Amino acid sequence: DYGRIKKIIDDTWDFSADVDNDKALNHCLNVFLHDYLGWSNYT
């Protein structure tokens, strides 16, 4: 599900407007996703 969730995250917070490099954008979304998952015991 991670790929689709990252797409929803980008649609919501529009990281791609400020990070125009695809590789960097993917790393930004990974940081965002894994930070929240690391603090969650319910998904």
ModelCIF file with pLDDT and N, C-alpha, C, O atoms, coordinates in Angstrom:
data_MODEL
#
_entry.id   MODEL 
#
_entity.id                         1 
_entity.type                       polymer 
_entity.pdbx_number_of_molecules   1 
#
_entity_poly.entity_id                      1 
_entity_poly.type                           'polypeptide(L)' 
_entity_poly.nstd_linkage                   no 
_entity_poly.nstd_monomer                   no 
_entity_poly.pdbx_seq_one_letter_code       DYGRIKKIIDDTWDFSADVDNDKALNHCLNVFLHDYLGWSNYT 
_entity_poly.pdbx_seq_one_letter_code_can   DYGRIKKIIDDTWDFSADVDNDKALNHCLNVFLHDYLGWSNYT 
_entity_poly.pdbx_strand_id                 A 
#
loop_
_entity_poly_seq.entity_id 
_entity_poly_seq.num 
_entity_poly_seq.mon_id 
_entity_poly_seq.hetero 
1 1  ASP n 
1 2  TYR n 
1 3  GLY n 
1 4  ARG n 
1 5  ILE n 
1 6  LYS n 
1 7  LYS n 
1 8  ILE n 
1 9  ILE n 
1 10 ASP n 
1 11 ASP n 
1 12 THR n 
1 13 TRP n 
1 14 ASP n 
1 15 PHE n 
1 16 SER n 
1 17 ALA n 
1 18 ASP n 
1 19 VAL n 
1 20 ASP n 
1 21 ASN n 
1 22 ASP n 
1 23 LYS n 
1 24 ALA n 
1 25 LEU n 
1 26 ASN n 
1 27 HIS n 
1 28 CYS n 
1 29 LEU n 
1 30 ASN n 
1 31 VAL n 
1 32 PHE n 
1 33 LEU n 
1 34 HIS n 
1 35 ASP n 
1 36 TYR n 
1 37 LEU n 
1 38 GLY n 
1 39 TRP n 
1 40 SER n 
1 41 ASN n 
1 42 TYR n 
1 43 THR n 
#
_struct_asym.id          A 
_struct_asym.entity_id   1 
#
loop_
_ma_qa_metric.id 
_ma_qa_metric.mode 
_ma_qa_metric.name 
_ma_qa_metric.software_group_id 
_ma_qa_metric.type 
1 global pLDDT . pLDDT 
2 local  pLDDT . pLDDT 
#
_ma_qa_metric_global.metric_id      1 
_ma_qa_metric_global.metric_value   94.63 
_ma_qa_metric_global.model_id       1 
_ma_qa_metric_global.ordinal_id     1 
#
loop_
_ma_qa_metric_local.label_asym_id 
_ma_qa_metric_local.label_comp_id 
_ma_qa_metric_local.label_seq_id 
_ma_qa_metric_local.metric_id 
_ma_qa_metric_local.metric_value 
_ma_qa_metric_local.model_id 
_ma_qa_metric_local.ordinal_id 
A ASP 1  2 98.00 1 1  
A TYR 2  2 98.00 1 2  
A GLY 3  2 97.00 1 3  
A ARG 4  2 98.00 1 4  
A ILE 5  2 98.00 1 5  
A LYS 6  2 98.00 1 6  
A LYS 7  2 97.00 1 7  
A ILE 8  2 97.00 1 8  
A ILE 9  2 97.00 1 9  
A ASP 10 2 96.00 1 10 
A ASP 11 2 95.00 1 11 
A THR 12 2 93.00 1 12 
A TRP 13 2 92.00 1 13 
A ASP 14 2 90.00 1 14 
A PHE 15 2 90.00 1 15 
A SER 16 2 90.00 1 16 
A ALA 17 2 86.00 1 17 
A ASP 18 2 83.00 1 18 
A VAL 19 2 86.00 1 19 
A ASP 20 2 80.00 1 20 
A ASN 21 2 87.00 1 21 
A ASP 22 2 92.00 1 22 
A LYS 23 2 92.00 1 23 
A ALA 24 2 93.00 1 24 
A LEU 25 2 95.00 1 25 
A ASN 26 2 96.00 1 26 
A HIS 27 2 96.00 1 27 
A CYS 28 2 96.00 1 28 
A LEU 29 2 97.00 1 29 
A ASN 30 2 97.00 1 30 
A VAL 31 2 97.00 1 31 
A PHE 32 2 97.00 1 32 
A LEU 33 2 98.00 1 33 
A HIS 34 2 98.00 1 34 
A ASP 35 2 97.00 1 35 
A TYR 36 2 97.00 1 36 
A LEU 37 2 98.00 1 37 
A GLY 38 2 98.00 1 38 
A TRP 39 2 97.00 1 39 
A SER 40 2 98.00 1 40 
A ASN 41 2 98.00 1 41 
A TYR 42 2 98.00 1 42 
A THR 43 2 98.00 1 43 
#
loop_
_atom_site.group_PDB 
_atom_site.id 
_atom_site.type_symbol 
_atom_site.label_atom_id 
_atom_site.label_alt_id 
_atom_site.label_comp_id 
_atom_site.label_asym_id 
_atom_site.label_entity_id 
_atom_site.label_seq_id 
_atom_site.pdbx_PDB_ins_code 
_atom_site.Cartn_x 
_atom_site.Cartn_y 
_atom_site.Cartn_z 
_atom_site.occupancy 
_atom_site.B_iso_or_equiv 
_atom_site.pdbx_formal_charge 
_atom_site.auth_seq_id 
_atom_site.auth_comp_id 
_atom_site.auth_asym_id 
_atom_site.auth_atom_id 
_atom_site.pdbx_PDB_model_num 
ATOM 1   N N  . ASP A 1 1  ? 0.819  -1.221 0.000   1.00 98.00 ? 1  ASP A N  1 
ATOM 2   C CA . ASP A 1 1  ? 0.000  0.000  0.000   1.00 98.00 ? 1  ASP A CA 1 
ATOM 3   C C  . ASP A 1 1  ? 0.850  1.267  0.000   1.00 98.00 ? 1  ASP A C  1 
ATOM 4   O O  . ASP A 1 1  ? 0.335  2.356  -0.255  1.00 98.00 ? 1  ASP A O  1 
ATOM 5   N N  . TYR A 1 2  ? 2.138  1.136  0.282   1.00 98.00 ? 2  TYR A N  1 
ATOM 6   C CA . TYR A 1 2  ? 2.966  2.324  0.510   1.00 98.00 ? 2  TYR A CA 1 
ATOM 7   C C  . TYR A 1 2  ? 2.958  3.294  -0.675  1.00 98.00 ? 2  TYR A C  1 
ATOM 8   O O  . TYR A 1 2  ? 2.857  4.507  -0.491  1.00 98.00 ? 2  TYR A O  1 
ATOM 9   N N  . GLY A 1 3  ? 3.064  2.751  -1.888  1.00 97.00 ? 3  GLY A N  1 
ATOM 10  C CA . GLY A 1 3  ? 3.112  3.610  -3.066  1.00 97.00 ? 3  GLY A CA 1 
ATOM 11  C C  . GLY A 1 3  ? 1.858  4.465  -3.204  1.00 97.00 ? 3  GLY A C  1 
ATOM 12  O O  . GLY A 1 3  ? 1.944  5.667  -3.457  1.00 97.00 ? 3  GLY A O  1 
ATOM 13  N N  . ARG A 1 4  ? 0.714  3.855  -3.041  1.00 98.00 ? 4  ARG A N  1 
ATOM 14  C CA . ARG A 1 4  ? -0.555 4.584  -3.155  1.00 98.00 ? 4  ARG A CA 1 
ATOM 15  C C  . ARG A 1 4  ? -0.701 5.589  -2.003  1.00 98.00 ? 4  ARG A C  1 
ATOM 16  O O  . ARG A 1 4  ? -1.192 6.698  -2.210  1.00 98.00 ? 4  ARG A O  1 
ATOM 17  N N  . ILE A 1 5  ? -0.284 5.211  -0.815  1.00 98.00 ? 5  ILE A N  1 
ATOM 18  C CA . ILE A 1 5  ? -0.373 6.122  0.326   1.00 98.00 ? 5  ILE A CA 1 
ATOM 19  C C  . ILE A 1 5  ? 0.524  7.343  0.112   1.00 98.00 ? 5  ILE A C  1 
ATOM 20  O O  . ILE A 1 5  ? 0.130  8.463  0.438   1.00 98.00 ? 5  ILE A O  1 
ATOM 21  N N  . LYS A 1 6  ? 1.712  7.137  -0.425  1.00 98.00 ? 6  LYS A N  1 
ATOM 22  C CA . LYS A 1 6  ? 2.594  8.268  -0.712  1.00 98.00 ? 6  LYS A CA 1 
ATOM 23  C C  . LYS A 1 6  ? 1.972  9.202  -1.751  1.00 98.00 ? 6  LYS A C  1 
ATOM 24  O O  . LYS A 1 6  ? 2.151  10.418 -1.678  1.00 98.00 ? 6  LYS A O  1 
ATOM 25  N N  . LYS A 1 7  ? 1.250  8.645  -2.705  1.00 97.00 ? 7  LYS A N  1 
ATOM 26  C CA . LYS A 1 7  ? 0.566  9.479  -3.701  1.00 97.00 ? 7  LYS A CA 1 
ATOM 27  C C  . LYS A 1 7  ? -0.497 10.351 -3.024  1.00 97.00 ? 7  LYS A C  1 
ATOM 28  O O  . LYS A 1 7  ? -0.619 11.534 -3.343  1.00 97.00 ? 7  LYS A O  1 
ATOM 29  N N  . ILE A 1 8  ? -1.256 9.782  -2.103  1.00 97.00 ? 8  ILE A N  1 
ATOM 30  C CA . ILE A 1 8  ? -2.280 10.548 -1.381  1.00 97.00 ? 8  ILE A CA 1 
ATOM 31  C C  . ILE A 1 8  ? -1.623 11.627 -0.516  1.00 97.00 ? 8  ILE A C  1 
ATOM 32  O O  . ILE A 1 8  ? -2.131 12.744 -0.422  1.00 97.00 ? 8  ILE A O  1 
ATOM 33  N N  . ILE A 1 9  ? -0.495 11.292 0.112   1.00 97.00 ? 9  ILE A N  1 
ATOM 34  C CA . ILE A 1 9  ? 0.237  12.267 0.920   1.00 97.00 ? 9  ILE A CA 1 
ATOM 35  C C  . ILE A 1 9  ? 0.696  13.437 0.058   1.00 97.00 ? 9  ILE A C  1 
ATOM 36  O O  . ILE A 1 9  ? 0.561  14.596 0.452   1.00 97.00 ? 9  ILE A O  1 
ATOM 37  N N  . ASP A 1 10 ? 1.237  13.136 -1.115  1.00 96.00 ? 10 ASP A N  1 
ATOM 38  C CA . ASP A 1 10 ? 1.702  14.202 -2.009  1.00 96.00 ? 10 ASP A CA 1 
ATOM 39  C C  . ASP A 1 10 ? 0.539  15.041 -2.515  1.00 96.00 ? 10 ASP A C  1 
ATOM 40  O O  . ASP A 1 10 ? 0.658  16.262 -2.624  1.00 96.00 ? 10 ASP A O  1 
ATOM 41  N N  . ASP A 1 11 ? -0.580 14.406 -2.824  1.00 95.00 ? 11 ASP A N  1 
ATOM 42  C CA . ASP A 1 11 ? -1.764 15.154 -3.270  1.00 95.00 ? 11 ASP A CA 1 
ATOM 43  C C  . ASP A 1 11 ? -2.264 16.100 -2.179  1.00 95.00 ? 11 ASP A C  1 
ATOM 44  O O  . ASP A 1 11 ? -2.788 17.174 -2.474  1.00 95.00 ? 11 ASP A O  1 
ATOM 45  N N  . THR A 1 12 ? -2.099 15.696 -0.925  1.00 93.00 ? 12 THR A N  1 
ATOM 46  C CA . THR A 1 12 ? -2.603 16.493 0.201   1.00 93.00 ? 12 THR A CA 1 
ATOM 47  C C  . THR A 1 12 ? -1.673 17.643 0.556   1.00 93.00 ? 12 THR A C  1 
ATOM 48  O O  . THR A 1 12 ? -2.120 18.779 0.719   1.00 93.00 ? 12 THR A O  1 
ATOM 49  N N  . TRP A 1 13 ? -0.374 17.353 0.677   1.00 92.00 ? 13 TRP A N  1 
ATOM 50  C CA . TRP A 1 13 ? 0.579  18.377 1.136   1.00 92.00 ? 13 TRP A CA 1 
ATOM 51  C C  . TRP A 1 13 ? 1.436  18.954 -0.001  1.00 92.00 ? 13 TRP A C  1 
ATOM 52  O O  . TRP A 1 13 ? 2.223  19.874 0.224   1.00 92.00 ? 13 TRP A O  1 
ATOM 53  N N  . ASP A 1 14 ? 1.288  18.428 -1.196  1.00 90.00 ? 14 ASP A N  1 
ATOM 54  C CA . ASP A 1 14 ? 1.905  18.996 -2.401  1.00 90.00 ? 14 ASP A CA 1 
ATOM 55  C C  . ASP A 1 14 ? 3.424  19.138 -2.282  1.00 90.00 ? 14 ASP A C  1 
ATOM 56  O O  . ASP A 1 14 ? 3.974  20.195 -2.591  1.00 90.00 ? 14 ASP A O  1 
ATOM 57  N N  . PHE A 1 15 ? 4.098  18.085 -1.839  1.00 90.00 ? 15 PHE A N  1 
ATOM 58  C CA . PHE A 1 15 ? 5.563  18.091 -1.792  1.00 90.00 ? 15 PHE A CA 1 
ATOM 59  C C  . PHE A 1 15 ? 6.157  18.341 -3.175  1.00 90.00 ? 15 PHE A C  1 
ATOM 60  O O  . PHE A 1 15 ? 7.190  18.998 -3.296  1.00 90.00 ? 15 PHE A O  1 
ATOM 61  N N  . SER A 1 16 ? 5.517  17.826 -4.207  1.00 90.00 ? 16 SER A N  1 
ATOM 62  C CA . SER A 1 16 ? 6.066  17.925 -5.562  1.00 90.00 ? 16 SER A CA 1 
ATOM 63  C C  . SER A 1 16 ? 6.151  19.362 -6.062  1.00 90.00 ? 16 SER A C  1 
ATOM 64  O O  . SER A 1 16 ? 6.864  19.633 -7.028  1.00 90.00 ? 16 SER A O  1 
ATOM 65  N N  . ALA A 1 17 ? 5.434  20.296 -5.419  1.00 86.00 ? 17 ALA A N  1 
ATOM 66  C CA . ALA A 1 17 ? 5.518  21.702 -5.818  1.00 86.00 ? 17 ALA A CA 1 
ATOM 67  C C  . ALA A 1 17 ? 6.861  22.308 -5.435  1.00 86.00 ? 17 ALA A C  1 
ATOM 68  O O  . ALA A 1 17 ? 7.321  23.251 -6.080  1.00 86.00 ? 17 ALA A O  1 
ATOM 69  N N  . ASP A 1 18 ? 7.494  21.778 -4.394  1.00 83.00 ? 18 ASP A N  1 
ATOM 70  C CA . ASP A 1 18 ? 8.766  22.321 -3.910  1.00 83.00 ? 18 ASP A CA 1 
ATOM 71  C C  . ASP A 1 18 ? 9.952  21.403 -4.169  1.00 83.00 ? 18 ASP A C  1 
ATOM 72  O O  . ASP A 1 18 ? 11.099 21.849 -4.141  1.00 83.00 ? 18 ASP A O  1 
ATOM 73  N N  . VAL A 1 19 ? 9.685  20.120 -4.421  1.00 86.00 ? 19 VAL A N  1 
ATOM 74  C CA . VAL A 1 19 ? 10.755 19.152 -4.662  1.00 86.00 ? 19 VAL A CA 1 
ATOM 75  C C  . VAL A 1 19 ? 10.556 18.600 -6.068  1.00 86.00 ? 19 VAL A C  1 
ATOM 76  O O  . VAL A 1 19 ? 9.768  17.675 -6.269  1.00 86.00 ? 19 VAL A O  1 
ATOM 77  N N  . ASP A 1 20 ? 11.276 19.169 -7.050  1.00 80.00 ? 20 ASP A N  1 
ATOM 78  C CA . ASP A 1 20 ? 11.013 18.845 -8.451  1.00 80.00 ? 20 ASP A CA 1 
ATOM 79  C C  . ASP A 1 20 ? 11.816 17.659 -8.957  1.00 80.00 ? 20 ASP A C  1 
ATOM 80  O O  . ASP A 1 20 ? 11.629 17.232 -10.097 1.00 80.00 ? 20 ASP A O  1 
ATOM 81  N N  . ASN A 1 21 ? 12.697 17.124 -8.142  1.00 87.00 ? 21 ASN A N  1 
ATOM 82  C CA . ASN A 1 21 ? 13.476 15.946 -8.508  1.00 87.00 ? 21 ASN A CA 1 
ATOM 83  C C  . ASN A 1 21 ? 12.743 14.698 -8.040  1.00 87.00 ? 21 ASN A C  1 
ATOM 84  O O  . ASN A 1 21 ? 12.444 14.573 -6.852  1.00 87.00 ? 21 ASN A O  1 
ATOM 85  N N  . ASP A 1 22 ? 12.446 13.769 -8.950  1.00 92.00 ? 22 ASP A N  1 
ATOM 86  C CA . ASP A 1 22 ? 11.629 12.596 -8.615  1.00 92.00 ? 22 ASP A CA 1 
ATOM 87  C C  . ASP A 1 22 ? 12.248 11.748 -7.507  1.00 92.00 ? 22 ASP A C  1 
ATOM 88  O O  . ASP A 1 22 ? 11.547 11.257 -6.623  1.00 92.00 ? 22 ASP A O  1 
ATOM 89  N N  . LYS A 1 23 ? 13.567 11.583 -7.565  1.00 92.00 ? 23 LYS A N  1 
ATOM 90  C CA . LYS A 1 23 ? 14.225 10.759 -6.544  1.00 92.00 ? 23 LYS A CA 1 
ATOM 91  C C  . LYS A 1 23 ? 14.131 11.435 -5.181  1.00 92.00 ? 23 LYS A C  1 
ATOM 92  O O  . LYS A 1 23 ? 13.832 10.783 -4.180  1.00 92.00 ? 23 LYS A O  1 
ATOM 93  N N  . ALA A 1 24 ? 14.387 12.748 -5.144  1.00 93.00 ? 24 ALA A N  1 
ATOM 94  C CA . ALA A 1 24 ? 14.288 13.476 -3.872  1.00 93.00 ? 24 ALA A CA 1 
ATOM 95  C C  . ALA A 1 24 ? 12.857 13.484 -3.366  1.00 93.00 ? 24 ALA A C  1 
ATOM 96  O O  . ALA A 1 24 ? 12.619 13.364 -2.164  1.00 93.00 ? 24 ALA A O  1 
ATOM 97  N N  . LEU A 1 25 ? 11.903 13.625 -4.281  1.00 95.00 ? 25 LEU A N  1 
ATOM 98  C CA . LEU A 1 25 ? 10.488 13.605 -3.884  1.00 95.00 ? 25 LEU A CA 1 
ATOM 99  C C  . LEU A 1 25 ? 10.137 12.278 -3.226  1.00 95.00 ? 25 LEU A C  1 
ATOM 100 O O  . LEU A 1 25 ? 9.452  12.250 -2.203  1.00 95.00 ? 25 LEU A O  1 
ATOM 101 N N  . ASN A 1 26 ? 10.602 11.186 -3.807  1.00 96.00 ? 26 ASN A N  1 
ATOM 102 C CA . ASN A 1 26 ? 10.311 9.875  -3.229  1.00 96.00 ? 26 ASN A CA 1 
ATOM 103 C C  . ASN A 1 26 ? 10.936 9.733  -1.846  1.00 96.00 ? 26 ASN A C  1 
ATOM 104 O O  . ASN A 1 26 ? 10.328 9.149  -0.949  1.00 96.00 ? 26 ASN A O  1 
ATOM 105 N N  . HIS A 1 27 ? 12.142 10.261 -1.668  1.00 96.00 ? 27 HIS A N  1 
ATOM 106 C CA . HIS A 1 27 ? 12.785 10.205 -0.351  1.00 96.00 ? 27 HIS A CA 1 
ATOM 107 C C  . HIS A 1 27 ? 12.012 11.064 0.660   1.00 96.00 ? 27 HIS A C  1 
ATOM 108 O O  . HIS A 1 27 ? 11.858 10.671 1.817   1.00 96.00 ? 27 HIS A O  1 
ATOM 109 N N  . CYS A 1 28 ? 11.526 12.237 0.226   1.00 96.00 ? 28 CYS A N  1 
ATOM 110 C CA . CYS A 1 28 ? 10.723 13.082 1.125   1.00 96.00 ? 28 CYS A CA 1 
ATOM 111 C C  . CYS A 1 28 ? 9.472  12.343 1.590   1.00 96.00 ? 28 CYS A C  1 
ATOM 112 O O  . CYS A 1 28 ? 9.126  12.365 2.771   1.00 96.00 ? 28 CYS A O  1 
ATOM 113 N N  . LEU A 1 29 ? 8.809  11.697 0.657   1.00 97.00 ? 29 LEU A N  1 
ATOM 114 C CA . LEU A 1 29 ? 7.586  10.973 0.993   1.00 97.00 ? 29 LEU A CA 1 
ATOM 115 C C  . LEU A 1 29 ? 7.891  9.766  1.870   1.00 97.00 ? 29 LEU A C  1 
ATOM 116 O O  . LEU A 1 29 ? 7.091  9.409  2.735   1.00 97.00 ? 29 LEU A O  1 
ATOM 117 N N  . ASN A 1 30 ? 9.052  9.130  1.651   1.00 97.00 ? 30 ASN A N  1 
ATOM 118 C CA . ASN A 1 30 ? 9.463  8.019  2.516   1.00 97.00 ? 30 ASN A CA 1 
ATOM 119 C C  . ASN A 1 30 ? 9.698  8.493  3.946   1.00 97.00 ? 30 ASN A C  1 
ATOM 120 O O  . ASN A 1 30 ? 9.269  7.842  4.899   1.00 97.00 ? 30 ASN A O  1 
ATOM 121 N N  . VAL A 1 31 ? 10.382 9.634  4.093   1.00 97.00 ? 31 VAL A N  1 
ATOM 122 C CA . VAL A 1 31 ? 10.623 10.180 5.426   1.00 97.00 ? 31 VAL A CA 1 
ATOM 123 C C  . VAL A 1 31 ? 9.305  10.449 6.131   1.00 97.00 ? 31 VAL A C  1 
ATOM 124 O O  . VAL A 1 31 ? 9.120  10.079 7.290   1.00 97.00 ? 31 VAL A O  1 
ATOM 125 N N  . PHE A 1 32 ? 8.392  11.098 5.420   1.00 97.00 ? 32 PHE A N  1 
ATOM 126 C CA . PHE A 1 32 ? 7.076  11.427 5.970   1.00 97.00 ? 32 PHE A CA 1 
ATOM 127 C C  . PHE A 1 32 ? 6.347  10.163 6.409   1.00 97.00 ? 32 PHE A C  1 
ATOM 128 O O  . PHE A 1 32 ? 5.856  10.083 7.535   1.00 97.00 ? 32 PHE A O  1 
ATOM 129 N N  . LEU A 1 33 ? 6.275  9.174  5.516   1.00 98.00 ? 33 LEU A N  1 
ATOM 130 C CA . LEU A 1 33 ? 5.524  7.941  5.793   1.00 98.00 ? 33 LEU A CA 1 
ATOM 131 C C  . LEU A 1 33 ? 6.136  7.134  6.928   1.00 98.00 ? 33 LEU A C  1 
ATOM 132 O O  . LEU A 1 33 ? 5.432  6.747  7.861   1.00 98.00 ? 33 LEU A O  1 
ATOM 133 N N  . HIS A 1 34 ? 7.430  6.877  6.863   1.00 98.00 ? 34 HIS A N  1 
ATOM 134 C CA . HIS A 1 34 ? 8.052  5.992  7.852   1.00 98.00 ? 34 HIS A CA 1 
ATOM 135 C C  . HIS A 1 34 ? 8.176  6.654  9.221   1.00 98.00 ? 34 HIS A C  1 
ATOM 136 O O  . HIS A 1 34 ? 8.215  5.967  10.242  1.00 98.00 ? 34 HIS A O  1 
ATOM 137 N N  . ASP A 1 35 ? 8.235  7.974  9.247   1.00 97.00 ? 35 ASP A N  1 
ATOM 138 C CA . ASP A 1 35 ? 8.233  8.663  10.538  1.00 97.00 ? 35 ASP A CA 1 
ATOM 139 C C  . ASP A 1 35 ? 6.918  8.391  11.265  1.00 97.00 ? 35 ASP A C  1 
ATOM 140 O O  . ASP A 1 35 ? 6.919  8.032  12.443  1.00 97.00 ? 35 ASP A O  1 
ATOM 141 N N  . TYR A 1 36 ? 5.805  8.560  10.567  1.00 97.00 ? 36 TYR A N  1 
ATOM 142 C CA . TYR A 1 36 ? 4.499  8.325  11.198  1.00 97.00 ? 36 TYR A CA 1 
ATOM 143 C C  . TYR A 1 36 ? 4.287  6.843  11.526  1.00 97.00 ? 36 TYR A C  1 
ATOM 144 O O  . TYR A 1 36 ? 3.748  6.509  12.581  1.00 97.00 ? 36 TYR A O  1 
ATOM 145 N N  . LEU A 1 37 ? 4.712  5.958  10.621  1.00 98.00 ? 37 LEU A N  1 
ATOM 146 C CA . LEU A 1 37 ? 4.534  4.529  10.897  1.00 98.00 ? 37 LEU A CA 1 
ATOM 147 C C  . LEU A 1 37 ? 5.366  4.083  12.098  1.00 98.00 ? 37 LEU A C  1 
ATOM 148 O O  . LEU A 1 37 ? 4.970  3.179  12.833  1.00 98.00 ? 37 LEU A O  1 
ATOM 149 N N  . GLY A 1 38 ? 6.511  4.717  12.292  1.00 98.00 ? 38 GLY A N  1 
ATOM 150 C CA . GLY A 1 38 ? 7.364  4.349  13.413  1.00 98.00 ? 38 GLY A CA 1 
ATOM 151 C C  . GLY A 1 38 ? 6.760  4.685  14.766  1.00 98.00 ? 38 GLY A C  1 
ATOM 152 O O  . GLY A 1 38 ? 7.166  4.130  15.787  1.00 98.00 ? 38 GLY A O  1 
ATOM 153 N N  . TRP A 1 39 ? 5.794  5.588  14.775  1.00 97.00 ? 39 TRP A N  1 
ATOM 154 C CA . TRP A 1 39 ? 5.138  5.970  16.027  1.00 97.00 ? 39 TRP A CA 1 
ATOM 155 C C  . TRP A 1 39 ? 3.708  5.433  16.129  1.00 97.00 ? 39 TRP A C  1 
ATOM 156 O O  . TRP A 1 39 ? 2.952  5.851  17.007  1.00 97.00 ? 39 TRP A O  1 
ATOM 157 N N  . SER A 1 40 ? 3.338  4.522  15.249  1.00 98.00 ? 40 SER A N  1 
ATOM 158 C CA . SER A 1 40 ? 1.958  4.025  15.208  1.00 98.00 ? 40 SER A CA 1 
ATOM 159 C C  . SER A 1 40 ? 1.886  2.541  15.543  1.00 98.00 ? 40 SER A C  1 
ATOM 160 O O  . SER A 1 40 ? 2.635  1.740  14.984  1.00 98.00 ? 40 SER A O  1 
ATOM 161 N N  . ASN A 1 41 ? 0.993  2.173  16.449  1.00 98.00 ? 41 ASN A N  1 
ATOM 162 C CA . ASN A 1 41 ? 0.739  0.747  16.718  1.00 98.00 ? 41 ASN A CA 1 
ATOM 163 C C  . ASN A 1 41 ? -0.676 0.349  16.292  1.00 98.00 ? 41 ASN A C  1 
ATOM 164 O O  . ASN A 1 41 ? -1.186 -0.705 16.672  1.00 98.00 ? 41 ASN A O  1 
ATOM 165 N N  . TYR A 1 42 ? -1.292 1.217  15.497  1.00 98.00 ? 42 TYR A N  1 
ATOM 166 C CA . TYR A 1 42 ? -2.593 0.928  14.881  1.00 98.00 ? 42 TYR A CA 1 
ATOM 167 C C  . TYR A 1 42 ? -2.563 1.483  13.458  1.00 98.00 ? 42 TYR A C  1 
ATOM 168 O O  . TYR A 1 42 ? -2.226 2.649  13.251  1.00 98.00 ? 42 TYR A O  1 
ATOM 169 N N  . THR A 1 43 ? -2.914 0.649  12.482  1.00 98.00 ? 43 THR A N  1 
ATOM 170 C CA . THR A 1 43 ? -2.999 1.106  11.092  1.00 98.00 ? 43 THR A CA 1 
ATOM 171 C C  . THR A 1 43 ? -4.220 0.485  10.428  1.00 98.00 ? 43 THR A C  1 
ATOM 172 O O  . THR A 1 43 ? -4.478 0.739  9.251   1.00 98.00 ? 43 THR A O  1 
#
